Amino acid sequence: MGVSGSGKTTAGKLLAERIHIPFFDADDYHSPANIEKMKAGSPLTDADRQNWLQTMNQLAIQQQTKKGAVIACSALKQSYRDGLQKNIVLSRWFFLEGSQELILERMQKRKGHFMPPALLQSQLDSLEPPASAITIPIDKDPSTIVSTILECIHTEWEKKE
């Protein structure tokens, strides 16, 4: 989880490849109306996100009965995270965090994404840093970020044994 441009898709795809489970990008599940709204430079409201978050929760529920999944989703507010993990047996949140300058630089370099850099501030304003997530700094390369995530998962599993 994290704001747009924090590297959720890149890290999520790589993580899913390394642990051999499916990857889903929540951006692929936005309604056409929400995508157009963001393209036009208008931030989404809680009401705009409601159906999208419910769809992502249903996807997560379906995947938990299989091998699990890596889902990249902004999940900016605690209420969004609560809804996303409703009826999920096991979930783990990783918060990809970085400076506004680094994230803005990344957003300005990427091509073909509907989220304009001008909306970064609205995401930062909405962001409620999670208390129960593992925070991962994004100033490293994607492979190092994923290795850090895997180390955290491994450490958690060792503690449970």
Protein backbone atom coordinates (compact mmCIF):
# COMPACT_ATOMS: atom_id res chain seq x y z
CA MET A 1 0.00 0.00 0.00
CA GLY A 2 1.01 3.60 -0.48
CA VAL A 3 0.36 6.65 -2.56
CA SER A 4 0.48 6.61 -6.33
CA GLY A 5 4.06 6.46 -7.57
CA SER A 6 5.44 4.70 -4.50
CA GLY A 7 6.26 1.55 -6.45
CA LYS A 8 3.41 -0.74 -5.43
CA THR A 9 2.97 -2.28 -8.87
CA THR A 10 6.67 -2.81 -9.53
CA ALA A 11 7.37 -4.29 -6.10
CA GLY A 12 4.11 -6.25 -6.05
CA LYS A 13 4.75 -7.94 -9.39
CA LEU A 14 8.28 -8.85 -8.37
CA LEU A 15 7.16 -10.17 -4.99
CA ALA A 16 4.41 -12.29 -6.57
CA GLU A 17 6.93 -13.74 -9.05
CA ARG A 18 9.36 -14.63 -6.28
CA ILE A 19 6.76 -16.40 -4.13
CA HIS A 20 4.78 -17.87 -7.03
CA ILE A 21 1.35 -16.44 -6.32
CA PRO A 22 -0.90 -14.20 -8.43
CA PHE A 23 -0.49 -10.42 -8.55
CA PHE A 24 -3.36 -7.96 -8.87
CA ASP A 25 -3.08 -4.21 -9.34
CA ALA A 26 -6.05 -2.40 -7.86
CA ASP A 27 -5.62 0.32 -10.48
CA ASP A 28 -6.89 -2.21 -13.05
CA TYR A 29 -10.22 -2.39 -11.20
CA HIS A 30 -11.15 1.31 -11.13
CA SER A 31 -14.36 2.18 -12.94
CA PRO A 32 -14.06 4.11 -16.21
CA ALA A 33 -15.74 7.06 -14.49
CA ASN A 34 -13.13 7.08 -11.70
CA ILE A 35 -10.30 6.86 -14.20
CA GLU A 36 -11.69 9.78 -16.18
CA LYS A 37 -12.13 11.79 -13.00
CA MET A 38 -8.50 11.24 -12.03
CA LYS A 39 -7.26 11.94 -15.57
CA ALA A 40 -9.10 15.26 -15.37
CA GLY A 41 -7.18 16.10 -12.20
CA SER A 42 -9.95 15.54 -9.66
CA PRO A 43 -9.21 13.40 -6.61
CA LEU A 44 -11.56 10.55 -5.80
CA THR A 45 -13.89 10.83 -2.84
CA ASP A 46 -14.69 8.10 -0.33
CA ALA A 47 -17.96 7.53 -2.22
CA ASP A 48 -16.05 7.17 -5.52
CA ARG A 49 -13.86 4.51 -3.97
CA GLN A 50 -16.60 2.49 -2.25
CA ASN A 51 -17.45 0.04 -5.08
CA TRP A 52 -13.80 -0.25 -6.07
CA LEU A 53 -12.78 -1.21 -2.51
CA GLN A 54 -15.63 -3.74 -2.31
CA THR A 55 -14.45 -5.27 -5.59
CA MET A 56 -10.91 -5.55 -4.26
CA ASN A 57 -12.17 -7.17 -1.05
CA GLN A 58 -14.13 -9.74 -3.06
CA LEU A 59 -11.03 -10.48 -5.13
CA ALA A 60 -8.98 -10.96 -1.96
CA ILE A 61 -11.62 -13.29 -0.50
CA GLN A 62 -11.55 -15.40 -3.69
CA GLN A 63 -7.75 -15.56 -3.67
CA GLN A 64 -7.46 -16.58 -0.01
CA THR A 65 -9.20 -19.85 -0.82
CA LYS A 66 -6.46 -20.54 -3.37
CA LYS A 67 -2.78 -19.82 -2.78
CA GLY A 68 -3.24 -16.22 -1.73
CA ALA A 69 -2.23 -13.16 -3.74
CA VAL A 70 -0.24 -9.98 -3.74
CA ILE A 71 -2.54 -7.00 -4.23
CA ALA A 72 -1.14 -3.54 -4.86
CA CYS A 73 -3.62 -0.95 -3.64
CA SER A 74 -3.25 2.59 -2.36
CA ALA A 75 -5.41 1.81 0.71
CA LEU A 76 -4.79 5.34 1.95
CA LYS A 77 -7.13 5.35 4.95
CA GLN A 78 -7.59 2.91 7.81
CA SER A 79 -11.27 2.57 6.91
CA TYR A 80 -10.23 1.47 3.40
CA ARG A 81 -7.81 -1.11 4.83
CA ASP A 82 -10.48 -2.36 7.23
CA GLY A 83 -12.88 -2.85 4.32
CA LEU A 84 -10.25 -4.48 2.14
CA GLN A 85 -9.42 -7.12 4.74
CA LYS A 86 -13.00 -7.83 5.85
CA ASN A 87 -13.53 -11.61 5.99
CA ILE A 88 -9.89 -12.24 5.13
CA VAL A 89 -8.25 -14.90 7.28
CA LEU A 90 -4.69 -13.62 6.92
CA SER A 91 -3.44 -10.38 5.47
CA ARG A 92 -0.21 -8.45 5.81
CA TRP A 93 0.20 -4.80 4.98
CA PHE A 94 3.42 -3.33 3.65
CA PHE A 95 3.49 0.45 3.44
CA LEU A 96 5.79 1.74 0.72
CA GLU A 97 6.87 5.11 2.00
CA GLY A 98 9.07 7.79 0.50
CA SER A 99 9.56 11.50 0.25
CA GLN A 100 7.14 13.60 -1.73
CA GLU A 101 10.02 14.70 -3.93
CA LEU A 102 11.04 11.13 -4.85
CA ILE A 103 7.46 10.04 -5.51
CA LEU A 104 6.74 13.13 -7.62
CA GLU A 105 9.90 12.49 -9.64
CA ARG A 106 8.77 8.91 -10.29
CA MET A 107 5.28 10.02 -11.29
CA GLN A 108 6.67 12.56 -13.73
CA LYS A 109 8.84 9.91 -15.42
CA ARG A 110 6.20 7.22 -15.90
CA LYS A 111 4.22 6.98 -19.10
CA GLY A 112 0.64 5.95 -19.74
CA HIS A 113 -0.72 6.07 -16.19
CA PHE A 114 -4.04 7.80 -15.60
CA MET A 115 -2.99 9.34 -12.28
CA PRO A 116 -1.46 12.76 -12.94
CA PRO A 117 1.36 14.02 -10.70
CA ALA A 118 -0.87 16.96 -9.75
CA LEU A 119 -2.99 14.57 -7.64
CA LEU A 120 -0.09 13.42 -5.46
CA GLN A 121 -0.77 16.10 -2.85
CA SER A 122 -4.40 14.99 -2.51
CA GLN A 123 -3.22 11.44 -1.83
CA LEU A 124 -0.70 12.62 0.73
CA ASP A 125 -3.42 14.70 2.38
CA SER A 126 -5.70 11.63 2.59
CA LEU A 127 -2.98 9.23 3.73
CA GLU A 128 -3.40 7.77 7.19
CA PRO A 129 -0.12 5.97 7.82
CA PRO A 130 -0.97 2.48 9.04
CA ALA A 131 -0.16 1.52 12.59
CA SER A 132 -0.20 -2.21 11.85
CA ALA A 133 1.82 -2.29 8.62
CA ILE A 134 5.49 -2.83 8.05
CA THR A 135 6.88 0.37 6.59
CA ILE A 136 9.32 -0.12 3.74
CA PRO A 137 11.38 2.85 2.49
CA ILE A 138 11.23 3.19 -1.29
CA ASP A 139 14.64 4.78 -1.80
CA LYS A 140 16.15 1.39 -2.75
CA ASP A 141 15.85 -0.58 -5.99
CA PRO A 142 12.75 -2.82 -6.39
CA SER A 143 14.70 -6.04 -5.83
CA THR A 144 16.01 -4.77 -2.49
CA ILE A 145 12.53 -3.62 -1.48
CA VAL A 146 11.12 -7.08 -2.23
CA SER A 147 13.98 -8.77 -0.39
CA THR A 148 13.17 -6.60 2.64
CA ILE A 149 9.50 -7.62 2.43
CA LEU A 150 10.47 -11.30 2.19
CA GLU A 151 12.78 -10.97 5.20
CA CYS A 152 9.91 -9.46 7.20
CA ILE A 153 7.57 -12.28 6.19
CA HIS A 154 10.18 -14.91 7.03
CA THR A 155 10.85 -13.33 10.42
CA GLU A 156 7.11 -13.27 11.21
CA TRP A 157 6.74 -16.95 10.28
CA GLU A 158 9.72 -17.91 12.46
CA LYS A 159 8.15 -16.12 15.43
CA LYS A 160 4.89 -18.07 14.97
CA GLU A 161 6.62 -21.46 14.95
